[in-house]
Amino acid sequence: MHYTGTIWRPPYEASSLLLEVTAGCTHHRCKFCTLYGDLPFGFRMSPLEDIEADLQEAEEIYHDGMGREAPRIFLTGANPFVLSYGKLMEIAKRVHQHFPEAKSVGCFARVTDVAGKTDQELSALYEAGYDGLTIGMETADDEALRFMDKGYEAADIFKQCRRLDEAGIRYSFFYLVGISGEGRGEAGAKATAALCNQLHPTAIGANMLTIYSDSRLYQEIQRGNWREESETEKYREVRALVENLEIPTVFAALGASNAFQMQGALPKDREKLLAYLDDILENTREDALRRYRESVHHL
């Protein structure tokens, strides 16, 4: 299989067949991000011959007479959904040729990737199997989005995800706890909940901001342009998000950036999640949470 650098996938894609179709990120400017720093280039698409070779290799492994199947394919790279409609359709065609049992194809996507597709193209991509996109929306706090150089604002998230809703393409959000900075976390969480309440994300995954010295954000902190939330404030922010989400969705904090991991279905598990967060806030000291943050050497 052709895999380039560190391969990232959401926790819920653990059982999916990972197929590399891109490497790196087309944006590659978010101030907090260091995920693709090990690549000598910003972004590239895999040659179709490499994709075809990987599908053939995977087919030999899965279809070996042992009854194994690959019902879900996850395309790797920071945002494969940026590829043109034609390329995405060609990839889907090849996936279904080798894995006719595959019910869906997922990937990471940027909000701007959706904007590059027409409504008709989105509907056709859904029919071709594209479903369950993972979008790093991070927050609906426009001040934070602008400062972190995300390349879009809350209104763009709303507009493009409404288009996904209309096309039938399901999606999940990654929310970055701490992105609003010191003193602004709970307000950022409430703004994010208000936006999500107008959309239909199947899941919202919370990840705690962890700042590394090779990030642009670290340099902003050194210049005195931004201050990090305390670890306790981050948990108050998570609590505000859970408390204000009104839509049926799965809320989860499962990645390594989270000192305490949790998952529940909203609204059914809201009180259980809030009680768990209250216990953390009441019984866990800031210095213990900070030691955990400093122990996360790599995401």
C-alpha atoms as a PDB file:
ATOM      1  CA  MET A   1       0.000   0.000   0.000  1.00  0.00           C
ATOM      2  CA  HIS A   2       1.173   3.529  -0.769  1.00  0.00           C
ATOM      3  CA  TYR A   3       1.077   5.511   2.489  1.00  0.00           C
ATOM      4  CA  THR A   4       2.874   8.844   2.883  1.00  0.00           C
ATOM      5  CA  GLY A   5       3.930  10.225   6.260  1.00  0.00           C
ATOM      6  CA  THR A   6       1.673   9.830   9.288  1.00  0.00           C
ATOM      7  CA  ILE A   7      -1.796   8.584   8.368  1.00  0.00           C
ATOM      8  CA  TRP A   8      -4.583  10.340  10.267  1.00  0.00           C
ATOM      9  CA  ARG A   9      -8.115   9.033  10.624  1.00  0.00           C
ATOM     10  CA  PRO A  10     -11.019   9.717  12.999  1.00  0.00           C
ATOM     11  CA  PRO A  11     -11.472   7.241  15.877  1.00  0.00           C
ATOM     12  CA  TYR A  12     -14.718   5.986  14.347  1.00  0.00           C
ATOM     13  CA  GLU A  13     -12.950   4.968  11.114  1.00  0.00           C
ATOM     14  CA  ALA A  14     -10.856   2.339  12.933  1.00  0.00           C
ATOM     15  CA  SER A  15     -12.421  -0.561  11.020  1.00  0.00           C
ATOM     16  CA  SER A  16     -12.454   1.160   7.620  1.00  0.00           C
ATOM     17  CA  LEU A  17     -10.108   0.281   4.776  1.00  0.00           C
ATOM     18  CA  LEU A  18      -7.714   3.225   4.507  1.00  0.00           C
ATOM     19  CA  LEU A  19      -6.961   4.179   0.910  1.00  0.00           C
ATOM     20  CA  GLU A  20      -4.484   6.962   0.192  1.00  0.00           C
ATOM     21  CA  VAL A  21      -5.740   9.247  -2.574  1.00  0.00           C
ATOM     22  CA  THR A  22      -4.074  12.479  -1.387  1.00  0.00           C
ATOM     23  CA  ALA A  23      -1.290  13.450   0.989  1.00  0.00           C
ATOM     24  CA  GLY A  24      -1.024  16.711   2.885  1.00  0.00           C
ATOM     25  CA  CYS A  25      -3.444  19.620   3.044  1.00  0.00           C
ATOM     26  CA  THR A  26      -4.432  22.139   0.390  1.00  0.00           C
ATOM     27  CA  HIS A  27      -4.763  24.909   3.003  1.00  0.00           C
ATOM     28  CA  HIS A  28      -1.775  24.156   5.248  1.00  0.00           C
ATOM     29  CA  ARG A  29      -2.021  27.546   6.997  1.00  0.00           C
ATOM     30  CA  CYS A  30      -3.945  26.935  10.241  1.00  0.00           C
ATOM     31  CA  LYS A  31      -1.793  28.431  12.971  1.00  0.00           C
ATOM     32  CA  PHE A  32      -2.338  25.610  15.451  1.00  0.00           C
ATOM     33  CA  CYS A  33      -1.740  22.706  13.057  1.00  0.00           C
ATOM     34  CA  THR A  34       1.447  20.622  12.913  1.00  0.00           C
ATOM     35  CA  LEU A  35      -0.084  17.406  11.549  1.00  0.00           C
ATOM     36  CA  TYR A  36       1.558  17.510   8.136  1.00  0.00           C
ATOM     37  CA  GLY A  37       4.914  19.019   9.031  1.00  0.00           C
ATOM     38  CA  ASP A  38       6.716  15.771   8.173  1.00  0.00           C
ATOM     39  CA  LEU A  39       5.849  16.128   4.476  1.00  0.00           C
ATOM     40  CA  PRO A  40       8.265  17.901   2.098  1.00  0.00           C
ATOM     41  CA  PHE A  41       5.306  19.291   0.135  1.00  0.00           C
ATOM     42  CA  GLY A  42       1.988  20.926   0.932  1.00  0.00           C
ATOM     43  CA  PHE A  43      -0.454  18.702  -0.943  1.00  0.00           C
ATOM     44  CA  ARG A  44      -0.516  16.153  -3.715  1.00  0.00           C
ATOM     45  CA  MET A  45      -2.947  13.737  -5.294  1.00  0.00           C
ATOM     46  CA  SER A  46      -1.927  10.108  -5.615  1.00  0.00           C
ATOM     47  CA  PRO A  47      -1.458   8.911  -9.201  1.00  0.00           C
ATOM     48  CA  LEU A  48      -4.433   6.832 -10.336  1.00  0.00           C
ATOM     49  CA  GLU A  49      -2.083   3.928 -11.005  1.00  0.00           C
ATOM     50  CA  ASP A  50      -1.057   3.953  -7.297  1.00  0.00           C
ATOM     51  CA  ILE A  51      -4.701   4.038  -6.214  1.00  0.00           C
ATOM     52  CA  GLU A  52      -5.507   1.149  -8.553  1.00  0.00           C
ATOM     53  CA  ALA A  53      -2.509  -0.857  -7.300  1.00  0.00           C
ATOM     54  CA  ASP A  54      -3.548  -0.319  -3.678  1.00  0.00           C
ATOM     55  CA  LEU A  55      -7.117  -1.395  -4.414  1.00  0.00           C
ATOM     56  CA  GLN A  56      -5.821  -4.560  -6.070  1.00  0.00           C
ATOM     57  CA  GLU A  57      -3.545  -5.306  -3.110  1.00  0.00           C
ATOM     58  CA  ALA A  58      -6.330  -4.668  -0.603  1.00  0.00           C
ATOM     59  CA  GLU A  59      -8.727  -6.828  -2.612  1.00  0.00           C
ATOM     60  CA  GLU A  60      -6.291  -9.744  -2.459  1.00  0.00           C
ATOM     61  CA  ILE A  61      -6.069  -9.362   1.312  1.00  0.00           C
ATOM     62  CA  TYR A  62      -9.781  -8.947   2.006  1.00  0.00           C
ATOM     63  CA  HIS A  63     -11.151 -11.326  -0.618  1.00  0.00           C
ATOM     64  CA  ASP A  64      -8.937 -14.278   0.274  1.00  0.00           C
ATOM     65  CA  GLY A  65     -11.707 -16.830   0.665  1.00  0.00           C
ATOM     66  CA  MET A  66     -12.053 -16.191   4.408  1.00  0.00           C
ATOM     67  CA  GLY A  67     -15.295 -14.256   4.024  1.00  0.00           C
ATOM     68  CA  ARG A  68     -13.854 -10.858   4.889  1.00  0.00           C
ATOM     69  CA  GLU A  69     -15.403  -7.704   3.481  1.00  0.00           C
ATOM     70  CA  ALA A  70     -14.695  -3.969   3.410  1.00  0.00           C
ATOM     71  CA  PRO A  71     -18.074  -2.239   3.844  1.00  0.00           C
ATOM     72  CA  ARG A  72     -16.472   1.160   4.431  1.00  0.00           C
ATOM     73  CA  ILE A  73     -13.586   2.866   2.599  1.00  0.00           C
ATOM     74  CA  PHE A  74     -11.884   5.917   4.109  1.00  0.00           C
ATOM     75  CA  LEU A  75      -9.794   8.070   1.768  1.00  0.00           C
ATOM     76  CA  THR A  76      -6.736   9.433   3.551  1.00  0.00           C
ATOM     77  CA  GLY A  77      -5.169  12.872   3.438  1.00  0.00           C
ATOM     78  CA  ALA A  78      -6.218  16.132   5.106  1.00  0.00           C
ATOM     79  CA  ASN A  79      -8.999  16.897   2.623  1.00  0.00           C
ATOM     80  CA  PRO A  80      -9.468  14.501  -0.301  1.00  0.00           C
ATOM     81  CA  PHE A  81     -12.912  16.008  -0.939  1.00  0.00           C
ATOM     82  CA  VAL A  82     -11.095  18.923  -2.590  1.00  0.00           C
ATOM     83  CA  LEU A  83     -10.495  16.722  -5.625  1.00  0.00           C
ATOM     84  CA  SER A  84     -12.576  17.521  -8.666  1.00  0.00           C
ATOM     85  CA  TYR A  85     -15.961  15.907  -9.141  1.00  0.00           C
ATOM     86  CA  GLY A  86     -14.557  13.853 -12.007  1.00  0.00           C
ATOM     87  CA  LYS A  87     -11.640  12.496  -9.961  1.00  0.00           C
ATOM     88  CA  LEU A  88     -13.847  11.651  -6.994  1.00  0.00           C
ATOM     89  CA  MET A  89     -16.264   9.808  -9.264  1.00  0.00           C
ATOM     90  CA  GLU A  90     -13.410   7.885 -10.891  1.00  0.00           C
ATOM     91  CA  ILE A  91     -12.106   6.848  -7.455  1.00  0.00           C
ATOM     92  CA  ALA A  92     -15.594   5.727  -6.407  1.00  0.00           C
ATOM     93  CA  LYS A  93     -15.959   3.690  -9.611  1.00  0.00           C
ATOM     94  CA  ARG A  94     -12.685   1.874  -8.943  1.00  0.00           C
ATOM     95  CA  VAL A  95     -13.568   1.311  -5.282  1.00  0.00           C
ATOM     96  CA  HIS A  96     -16.847  -0.360  -6.244  1.00  0.00           C
ATOM     97  CA  GLN A  97     -15.162  -2.434  -8.946  1.00  0.00           C
ATOM     98  CA  HIS A  98     -12.825  -3.977  -6.383  1.00  0.00           C
ATOM     99  CA  PHE A  99     -15.149  -3.850  -3.363  1.00  0.00           C
ATOM    100  CA  PRO A 100     -18.757  -4.208  -4.537  1.00  0.00           C
ATOM    101  CA  GLU A 101     -19.738  -4.756  -0.898  1.00  0.00           C
ATOM    102  CA  ALA A 102     -18.569  -1.233   0.044  1.00  0.00           C
ATOM    103  CA  LYS A 103     -21.607   0.722   1.190  1.00  0.00           C
ATOM    104  CA  SER A 104     -19.901   4.092   1.613  1.00  0.00           C
ATOM    105  CA  VAL A 105     -16.760   6.121   1.000  1.00  0.00           C
ATOM    106  CA  GLY A 106     -15.675   8.721   3.549  1.00  0.00           C
ATOM    107  CA  CYS A 107     -12.850  11.204   3.981  1.00  0.00           C
ATOM    108  CA  PHE A 108     -11.782  14.397   5.684  1.00  0.00           C
ATOM    109  CA  ALA A 109     -13.114  17.563   4.048  1.00  0.00           C
ATOM    110  CA  ARG A 110     -12.690  21.287   4.423  1.00  0.00           C
ATOM    111  CA  VAL A 111     -15.715  23.566   4.260  1.00  0.00           C
ATOM    112  CA  THR A 112     -14.196  25.138   1.161  1.00  0.00           C
ATOM    113  CA  ASP A 113     -14.059  21.740  -0.568  1.00  0.00           C
ATOM    114  CA  VAL A 114     -17.853  21.539  -0.449  1.00  0.00           C
ATOM    115  CA  ALA A 115     -18.112  25.047  -1.907  1.00  0.00           C
ATOM    116  CA  GLY A 116     -16.252  23.835  -4.993  1.00  0.00           C
ATOM    117  CA  LYS A 117     -19.018  21.362  -5.904  1.00  0.00           C
ATOM    118  CA  THR A 118     -22.389  22.171  -7.462  1.00  0.00           C
ATOM    119  CA  ASP A 119     -25.596  20.924  -5.854  1.00  0.00           C
ATOM    120  CA  GLN A 120     -25.985  18.423  -8.686  1.00  0.00           C
ATOM    121  CA  GLU A 121     -22.432  17.154  -8.170  1.00  0.00           C
ATOM    122  CA  LEU A 122     -22.980  16.716  -4.438  1.00  0.00           C
ATOM    123  CA  SER A 123     -26.112  14.682  -5.096  1.00  0.00           C
ATOM    124  CA  ALA A 124     -24.280  12.522  -7.644  1.00  0.00           C
ATOM    125  CA  LEU A 125     -21.370  11.992  -5.229  1.00  0.00           C
ATOM    126  CA  TYR A 126     -23.844  10.808  -2.619  1.00  0.00           C
ATOM    127  CA  GLU A 127     -25.319   8.355  -5.120  1.00  0.00           C
ATOM    128  CA  ALA A 128     -21.760   7.153  -5.851  1.00  0.00           C
ATOM    129  CA  GLY A 129     -21.300   6.308  -2.160  1.00  0.00           C
ATOM    130  CA  TYR A 130     -19.707   9.402  -0.642  1.00  0.00           C
ATOM    131  CA  ASP A 131     -21.120   9.697   2.857  1.00  0.00           C
ATOM    132  CA  GLY A 132     -19.887  10.309   6.386  1.00  0.00           C
ATOM    133  CA  LEU A 133     -17.436  13.162   5.731  1.00  0.00           C
ATOM    134  CA  THR A 134     -15.397  14.452   8.669  1.00  0.00           C
ATOM    135  CA  ILE A 135     -15.085  18.247   8.732  1.00  0.00           C
ATOM    136  CA  GLY A 136     -12.689  20.124  10.999  1.00  0.00           C
ATOM    137  CA  MET A 137     -15.017  23.058  11.598  1.00  0.00           C
ATOM    138  CA  GLU A 138     -13.069  23.790  14.858  1.00  0.00           C
ATOM    139  CA  THR A 139     -15.474  26.503  16.073  1.00  0.00           C
ATOM    140  CA  ALA A 140     -18.159  28.972  15.031  1.00  0.00           C
ATOM    141  CA  ASP A 141     -16.257  31.803  16.730  1.00  0.00           C
ATOM    142  CA  ASP A 142     -15.440  34.073  13.779  1.00  0.00           C
ATOM    143  CA  GLU A 143     -12.738  35.970  15.649  1.00  0.00           C
ATOM    144  CA  ALA A 144     -10.932  32.691  16.353  1.00  0.00           C
ATOM    145  CA  LEU A 145     -11.417  31.405  12.803  1.00  0.00           C
ATOM    146  CA  ARG A 146      -9.910  34.580  11.379  1.00  0.00           C
ATOM    147  CA  PHE A 147      -7.000  34.658  13.824  1.00  0.00           C
ATOM    148  CA  MET A 148      -6.159  30.996  13.227  1.00  0.00           C
ATOM    149  CA  ASP A 149      -6.280  31.521   9.423  1.00  0.00           C
ATOM    150  CA  LYS A 150      -8.848  28.771   8.822  1.00  0.00           C
ATOM    151  CA  GLY A 151      -9.882  30.266   5.488  1.00  0.00           C
ATOM    152  CA  TYR A 152     -13.611  30.436   6.185  1.00  0.00           C
ATOM    153  CA  GLU A 153     -16.089  31.834   8.704  1.00  0.00           C
ATOM    154  CA  ALA A 154     -19.155  30.524  10.536  1.00  0.00           C
ATOM    155  CA  ALA A 155     -21.501  31.631   7.748  1.00  0.00           C
ATOM    156  CA  ASP A 156     -19.536  29.443   5.327  1.00  0.00           C
ATOM    157  CA  ILE A 157     -19.849  26.427   7.631  1.00  0.00           C
ATOM    158  CA  PHE A 158     -23.601  26.955   7.786  1.00  0.00           C
ATOM    159  CA  LYS A 159     -24.058  27.455   4.044  1.00  0.00           C
ATOM    160  CA  GLN A 160     -21.948  24.514   2.881  1.00  0.00           C
ATOM    161  CA  CYS A 161     -23.165  22.038   5.487  1.00  0.00           C
ATOM    162  CA  ARG A 162     -26.768  22.903   4.689  1.00  0.00           C
ATOM    163  CA  ARG A 163     -25.904  21.933   1.106  1.00  0.00           C
ATOM    164  CA  LEU A 164     -24.556  18.594   2.366  1.00  0.00           C
ATOM    165  CA  ASP A 165     -27.777  18.102   4.325  1.00  0.00           C
ATOM    166  CA  GLU A 166     -29.800  18.734   1.187  1.00  0.00           C
ATOM    167  CA  ALA A 167     -27.658  16.305  -0.850  1.00  0.00           C
ATOM    168  CA  GLY A 168     -28.076  13.599   1.798  1.00  0.00           C
ATOM    169  CA  ILE A 169     -24.359  13.443   2.600  1.00  0.00           C
ATOM    170  CA  ARG A 170     -23.881  12.862   6.315  1.00  0.00           C
ATOM    171  CA  TYR A 171     -20.987  14.546   8.096  1.00  0.00           C
ATOM    172  CA  SER A 172     -19.331  14.828  11.479  1.00  0.00           C
ATOM    173  CA  PHE A 173     -17.580  17.833  13.010  1.00  0.00           C
ATOM    174  CA  PHE A 174     -14.286  18.104  14.844  1.00  0.00           C
ATOM    175  CA  TYR A 175     -14.454  20.849  17.475  1.00  0.00           C
ATOM    176  CA  LEU A 176     -11.160  22.261  18.778  1.00  0.00           C
ATOM    177  CA  VAL A 177     -11.450  23.053  22.486  1.00  0.00           C
ATOM    178  CA  GLY A 178      -9.360  26.102  23.371  1.00  0.00           C
ATOM    179  CA  ILE A 179      -9.245  27.705  19.927  1.00  0.00           C
ATOM    180  CA  SER A 180     -10.924  30.906  21.154  1.00  0.00           C
ATOM    181  CA  GLY A 181      -8.170  31.651  23.645  1.00  0.00           C
ATOM    182  CA  GLU A 182      -8.069  32.709  27.272  1.00  0.00           C
ATOM    183  CA  GLY A 183     -11.354  34.010  28.648  1.00  0.00           C
ATOM    184  CA  ARG A 184     -13.362  33.263  25.498  1.00  0.00           C
ATOM    185  CA  GLY A 185     -13.825  29.489  25.514  1.00  0.00           C
ATOM    186  CA  GLU A 186     -17.371  29.271  26.824  1.00  0.00           C
ATOM    187  CA  ALA A 187     -18.563  32.014  24.460  1.00  0.00           C
ATOM    188  CA  GLY A 188     -16.969  30.151  21.547  1.00  0.00           C
ATOM    189  CA  ALA A 189     -18.661  26.920  22.634  1.00  0.00           C
ATOM    190  CA  LYS A 190     -22.069  28.590  22.844  1.00  0.00           C
ATOM    191  CA  ALA A 191     -21.638  30.124  19.382  1.00  0.00           C
ATOM    192  CA  THR A 192     -20.668  26.701  18.031  1.00  0.00           C
ATOM    193  CA  ALA A 193     -23.677  25.020  19.642  1.00  0.00           C
ATOM    194  CA  ALA A 194     -25.974  27.682  18.167  1.00  0.00           C
ATOM    195  CA  LEU A 195     -24.601  26.967  14.689  1.00  0.00           C
ATOM    196  CA  CYS A 196     -24.706  23.183  15.062  1.00  0.00           C
ATOM    197  CA  ASN A 197     -28.303  23.403  16.260  1.00  0.00           C
ATOM    198  CA  GLN A 198     -29.240  24.619  12.767  1.00  0.00           C
ATOM    199  CA  LEU A 199     -27.481  21.708  11.039  1.00  0.00           C
ATOM    200  CA  HIS A 200     -27.460  17.907  11.164  1.00  0.00           C
ATOM    201  CA  PRO A 201     -23.990  16.622  12.127  1.00  0.00           C
ATOM    202  CA  THR A 202     -24.132  12.934  13.013  1.00  0.00           C
ATOM    203  CA  ALA A 203     -21.345  13.417  15.553  1.00  0.00           C
ATOM    204  CA  ILE A 204     -19.326  16.193  17.154  1.00  0.00           C
ATOM    205  CA  GLY A 205     -15.866  15.167  18.277  1.00  0.00           C
ATOM    206  CA  ALA A 206     -14.024  17.393  20.744  1.00  0.00           C
ATOM    207  CA  ASN A 207     -10.241  17.608  20.655  1.00  0.00           C
ATOM    208  CA  MET A 208      -8.208  19.674  23.123  1.00  0.00           C
ATOM    209  CA  LEU A 209      -5.879  22.271  21.614  1.00  0.00           C
ATOM    210  CA  THR A 210      -2.285  21.175  22.209  1.00  0.00           C
ATOM    211  CA  ILE A 211       0.322  23.736  21.181  1.00  0.00           C
ATOM    212  CA  TYR A 212       3.673  22.671  19.769  1.00  0.00           C
ATOM    213  CA  SER A 213       6.756  24.802  19.279  1.00  0.00           C
ATOM    214  CA  ASP A 214       6.816  24.267  15.510  1.00  0.00           C
ATOM    215  CA  SER A 215       3.358  25.807  15.075  1.00  0.00           C
ATOM    216  CA  ARG A 216       2.613  29.361  13.978  1.00  0.00           C
ATOM    217  CA  LEU A 217       0.407  29.689  17.049  1.00  0.00           C
ATOM    218  CA  TYR A 218       3.397  29.126  19.324  1.00  0.00           C
ATOM    219  CA  GLN A 219       5.119  32.058  17.642  1.00  0.00           C
ATOM    220  CA  GLU A 220       2.024  34.225  18.167  1.00  0.00           C
ATOM    221  CA  ILE A 221       2.115  33.359  21.871  1.00  0.00           C
ATOM    222  CA  GLN A 222       5.813  34.239  22.072  1.00  0.00           C
ATOM    223  CA  ARG A 223       5.030  37.638  20.526  1.00  0.00           C
ATOM    224  CA  GLY A 224       2.283  38.230  23.081  1.00  0.00           C
ATOM    225  CA  ASN A 225      -0.510  38.166  20.485  1.00  0.00           C
ATOM    226  CA  TRP A 226      -2.549  35.306  21.978  1.00  0.00           C
ATOM    227  CA  ARG A 227      -3.028  33.616  25.350  1.00  0.00           C
ATOM    228  CA  GLU A 228      -3.935  29.978  25.902  1.00  0.00           C
ATOM    229  CA  GLU A 229      -6.911  28.879  27.978  1.00  0.00           C
ATOM    230  CA  SER A 230      -6.172  27.066  31.210  1.00  0.00           C
ATOM    231  CA  GLU A 231      -6.938  23.337  31.182  1.00  0.00           C
ATOM    232  CA  THR A 232      -9.800  23.924  33.607  1.00  0.00           C
ATOM    233  CA  GLU A 233     -11.278  26.549  31.288  1.00  0.00           C
ATOM    234  CA  LYS A 234     -11.133  24.033  28.452  1.00  0.00           C
ATOM    235  CA  TYR A 235     -13.338  21.662  30.438  1.00  0.00           C
ATOM    236  CA  ARG A 236     -15.759  24.471  31.238  1.00  0.00           C
ATOM    237  CA  GLU A 237     -15.845  25.107  27.499  1.00  0.00           C
ATOM    238  CA  VAL A 238     -16.666  21.461  26.775  1.00  0.00           C
ATOM    239  CA  ARG A 239     -19.408  21.639  29.386  1.00  0.00           C
ATOM    240  CA  ALA A 240     -20.903  24.736  27.728  1.00  0.00           C
ATOM    241  CA  LEU A 241     -20.917  22.978  24.365  1.00  0.00           C
ATOM    242  CA  VAL A 242     -22.671  19.869  25.698  1.00  0.00           C
ATOM    243  CA  GLU A 243     -25.152  21.929  27.690  1.00  0.00           C
ATOM    244  CA  ASN A 244     -26.180  24.064  24.707  1.00  0.00           C
ATOM    245  CA  LEU A 245     -26.387  21.440  21.949  1.00  0.00           C
ATOM    246  CA  GLU A 246     -30.074  20.801  21.260  1.00  0.00           C
ATOM    247  CA  ILE A 247     -29.915  18.531  18.212  1.00  0.00           C
ATOM    248  CA  PRO A 248     -29.783  14.727  18.268  1.00  0.00           C
ATOM    249  CA  THR A 249     -26.128  13.877  17.722  1.00  0.00           C
ATOM    250  CA  VAL A 250     -23.287  11.873  19.194  1.00  0.00           C
ATOM    251  CA  PHE A 251     -20.862  13.863  21.324  1.00  0.00           C
ATOM    252  CA  ALA A 252     -17.423  12.356  21.865  1.00  0.00           C
ATOM    253  CA  ALA A 253     -14.003  13.274  23.207  1.00  0.00           C
ATOM    254  CA  LEU A 254     -11.902  10.237  22.341  1.00  0.00           C
ATOM    255  CA  GLY A 255      -8.567  11.389  20.924  1.00  0.00           C
ATOM    256  CA  ALA A 256      -5.223  11.433  22.716  1.00  0.00           C
ATOM    257  CA  SER A 257      -5.526  15.180  23.298  1.00  0.00           C
ATOM    258  CA  ASN A 258      -8.276  14.503  25.865  1.00  0.00           C
ATOM    259  CA  ALA A 259      -7.084  13.663  29.380  1.00  0.00           C
ATOM    260  CA  PHE A 260     -10.572  12.315  30.098  1.00  0.00           C
ATOM    261  CA  GLN A 261     -12.424  10.496  27.351  1.00  0.00           C
ATOM    262  CA  MET A 262     -16.182  10.440  27.033  1.00  0.00           C
ATOM    263  CA  GLN A 263     -18.960   9.655  24.591  1.00  0.00           C
ATOM    264  CA  GLY A 264     -22.723   9.871  24.636  1.00  0.00           C
ATOM    265  CA  ALA A 265     -25.819  10.388  22.526  1.00  0.00           C
ATOM    266  CA  LEU A 266     -27.500  13.764  22.876  1.00  0.00           C
ATOM    267  CA  PRO A 267     -29.934  14.659  24.235  1.00  0.00           C
ATOM    268  CA  LYS A 268     -30.375  11.286  25.996  1.00  0.00           C
ATOM    269  CA  ASP A 269     -26.981  11.265  27.720  1.00  0.00           C
ATOM    270  CA  ARG A 270     -26.677  15.006  28.376  1.00  0.00           C
ATOM    271  CA  GLU A 271     -27.055  14.829  32.159  1.00  0.00           C
ATOM    272  CA  LYS A 272     -24.618  11.938  32.408  1.00  0.00           C
ATOM    273  CA  LEU A 273     -22.017  13.831  30.359  1.00  0.00           C
ATOM    274  CA  LEU A 274     -22.541  17.018  32.374  1.00  0.00           C
ATOM    275  CA  ALA A 275     -22.187  15.123  35.653  1.00  0.00           C
ATOM    276  CA  TYR A 276     -18.942  13.574  34.402  1.00  0.00           C
ATOM    277  CA  LEU A 277     -17.607  16.989  33.404  1.00  0.00           C
ATOM    278  CA  ASP A 278     -18.665  18.494  36.744  1.00  0.00           C
ATOM    279  CA  ASP A 279     -16.771  15.722  38.524  1.00  0.00           C
ATOM    280  CA  ILE A 280     -13.649  16.519  36.492  1.00  0.00           C
ATOM    281  CA  LEU A 281     -13.948  20.237  37.278  1.00  0.00           C
ATOM    282  CA  GLU A 282     -14.539  19.615  40.964  1.00  0.00           C
ATOM    283  CA  ASN A 283     -11.938  16.934  41.603  1.00  0.00           C
ATOM    284  CA  THR A 284      -9.084  17.453  39.129  1.00  0.00           C
ATOM    285  CA  ARG A 285      -6.467  20.110  39.758  1.00  0.00           C
ATOM    286  CA  GLU A 286      -5.208  22.442  37.062  1.00  0.00           C
ATOM    287  CA  ASP A 287      -1.621  21.302  37.571  1.00  0.00           C
ATOM    288  CA  ALA A 288      -2.593  17.656  36.971  1.00  0.00           C
ATOM    289  CA  LEU A 289      -4.412  18.580  33.774  1.00  0.00           C
ATOM    290  CA  ARG A 290      -1.439  20.676  32.683  1.00  0.00           C
ATOM    291  CA  ARG A 291       0.940  17.778  33.270  1.00  0.00           C
ATOM    292  CA  TYR A 292      -1.193  15.650  30.988  1.00  0.00           C
ATOM    293  CA  ARG A 293      -1.190  18.359  28.289  1.00  0.00           C
ATOM    294  CA  GLU A 294       2.606  18.560  28.452  1.00  0.00           C
ATOM    295  CA  SER A 295       2.866  14.768  28.189  1.00  0.00           C
ATOM    296  CA  VAL A 296       1.117  14.749  24.789  1.00  0.00           C
ATOM    297  CA  HIS A 297       4.290  14.906  22.724  1.00  0.00           C
ATOM    298  CA  HIS A 298       2.553  14.163  19.443  1.00  0.00           C
ATOM    299  CA  LEU A 299      -1.069  13.850  18.407  1.00  0.00           C
END
